[in-house]
Amino acid sequence: MAGFLTNGRSFHLDPPTSLCKKLIPSIDMWHNRLAAKQPSPDNYNPIQPTAAIYSFVQMIMMLRKTFTQESVLMMEIHPCHPIWQYSIFSDPVYLSFKR
């Protein structure tokens, strides 16, 4: 429901940035490296910031936010799924967001 109009009401459940950064944390490093055109840590070659690479990183950042938003409802629908055992879902910031 986040970001959509439902029964004349709009819902916007933006999770805290600090919480999103705990999910796929390395994407922030790659975003920063792309912006600064820093060398890759694997082979020390400069990263060539192409539109495809930048768009892929942006998509991953958007998906982690979307996943965090939707996890609240998915947890209610599938409470026994093993993914809920990961530490992010017992984090105080997540529990506060979930309420």
Protein backbone atom coordinates (compact mmCIF):
# COMPACT_ATOMS: atom_id res chain seq x y z
CA MET A 1 0.00 0.00 0.00
CA ALA A 2 2.97 2.31 0.46
CA GLY A 3 2.87 5.16 -2.01
CA PHE A 4 -0.52 4.20 -3.46
CA LEU A 5 -3.98 5.67 -3.14
CA THR A 6 -6.31 3.24 -1.33
CA ASN A 7 -9.94 4.06 -0.52
CA GLY A 8 -9.21 7.73 -1.04
CA ARG A 9 -6.24 7.65 1.36
CA SER A 10 -2.59 7.75 0.49
CA PHE A 11 -0.03 5.73 2.45
CA HIS A 12 3.64 6.66 2.57
CA LEU A 13 5.69 4.43 4.84
CA ASP A 14 9.23 5.61 4.38
CA PRO A 15 11.62 3.55 6.46
CA PRO A 16 14.46 5.38 8.17
CA THR A 17 17.56 5.73 6.00
CA SER A 18 19.67 4.16 8.75
CA LEU A 19 17.51 1.04 8.55
CA CYS A 20 17.75 0.80 4.76
CA LYS A 21 21.53 1.13 4.96
CA LYS A 22 21.64 -2.06 7.06
CA LEU A 23 20.16 -4.01 4.16
CA ILE A 24 22.74 -4.56 1.38
CA PRO A 25 25.20 -2.13 3.00
CA SER A 26 27.85 -2.53 0.30
CA ILE A 27 25.64 -0.76 -2.26
CA ASP A 28 26.35 2.54 -0.51
CA MET A 29 30.08 1.96 -0.96
CA TRP A 30 29.58 1.33 -4.67
CA HIS A 31 27.34 4.38 -5.01
CA ASN A 32 30.02 6.54 -3.40
CA ARG A 33 32.80 5.00 -5.52
CA LEU A 34 30.82 5.65 -8.68
CA ALA A 35 30.21 9.25 -7.69
CA ALA A 36 33.92 9.78 -6.89
CA LYS A 37 35.19 7.61 -9.78
CA GLN A 38 37.37 5.71 -7.30
CA PRO A 39 39.19 2.49 -8.24
CA SER A 40 37.52 -0.85 -7.80
CA PRO A 41 38.79 -2.60 -4.63
CA ASP A 42 39.28 -5.85 -6.59
CA ASN A 43 41.57 -4.79 -9.41
CA TYR A 44 42.33 -1.11 -8.71
CA ASN A 45 41.02 -0.06 -12.12
CA PRO A 46 38.99 3.13 -12.21
CA ILE A 47 35.26 2.55 -12.30
CA GLN A 48 33.75 3.86 -15.49
CA PRO A 49 30.43 5.36 -14.41
CA THR A 50 28.14 4.36 -17.27
CA ALA A 51 24.41 4.97 -17.28
CA ALA A 52 23.78 1.22 -16.87
CA ILE A 53 25.97 0.90 -13.79
CA TYR A 54 24.56 4.02 -12.18
CA SER A 55 20.99 2.88 -12.92
CA PHE A 56 21.68 -0.60 -11.49
CA VAL A 57 23.02 0.87 -8.24
CA GLN A 58 20.04 3.22 -8.01
CA MET A 59 17.66 0.30 -8.61
CA ILE A 60 19.25 -1.77 -5.80
CA MET A 61 18.95 1.21 -3.45
CA MET A 62 15.28 1.60 -4.38
CA LEU A 63 14.60 -2.14 -3.98
CA ARG A 64 16.07 -2.28 -0.49
CA LYS A 65 13.77 0.56 0.56
CA THR A 66 10.78 -1.17 -1.07
CA PHE A 67 11.68 -4.49 0.53
CA THR A 68 11.93 -2.85 3.95
CA GLN A 69 8.52 -1.21 3.46
CA GLU A 70 6.82 -4.38 2.25
CA SER A 71 8.46 -6.64 4.84
CA VAL A 72 6.06 -5.40 7.51
CA LEU A 73 3.04 -6.79 5.66
CA MET A 74 4.89 -9.86 4.39
CA MET A 75 5.86 -10.74 7.94
CA GLU A 76 2.18 -10.83 8.88
CA ILE A 77 1.29 -12.97 5.85
CA HIS A 78 4.25 -15.39 6.19
CA PRO A 79 5.31 -15.20 9.85
CA CYS A 80 7.35 -18.41 9.79
CA HIS A 81 9.52 -17.59 6.79
CA PRO A 82 13.23 -18.06 7.61
CA ILE A 83 14.19 -14.59 6.33
CA TRP A 84 12.65 -13.01 9.42
CA GLN A 85 15.47 -14.59 11.47
CA TYR A 86 17.99 -12.05 10.13
CA SER A 87 19.10 -9.48 12.69
CA ILE A 88 17.67 -6.49 10.80
CA PHE A 89 14.14 -7.67 11.63
CA SER A 90 14.83 -7.61 15.36
CA ASP A 91 16.67 -4.28 15.22
CA PRO A 92 15.04 -1.63 17.47
CA VAL A 93 14.84 0.79 14.52
CA TYR A 94 12.96 -1.83 12.48
CA LEU A 95 10.63 -2.69 15.34
CA SER A 96 9.84 1.01 15.77
CA PHE A 97 9.18 1.36 12.02
CA LYS A 98 7.01 -1.75 12.06
CA ARG A 99 4.62 -0.21 14.60
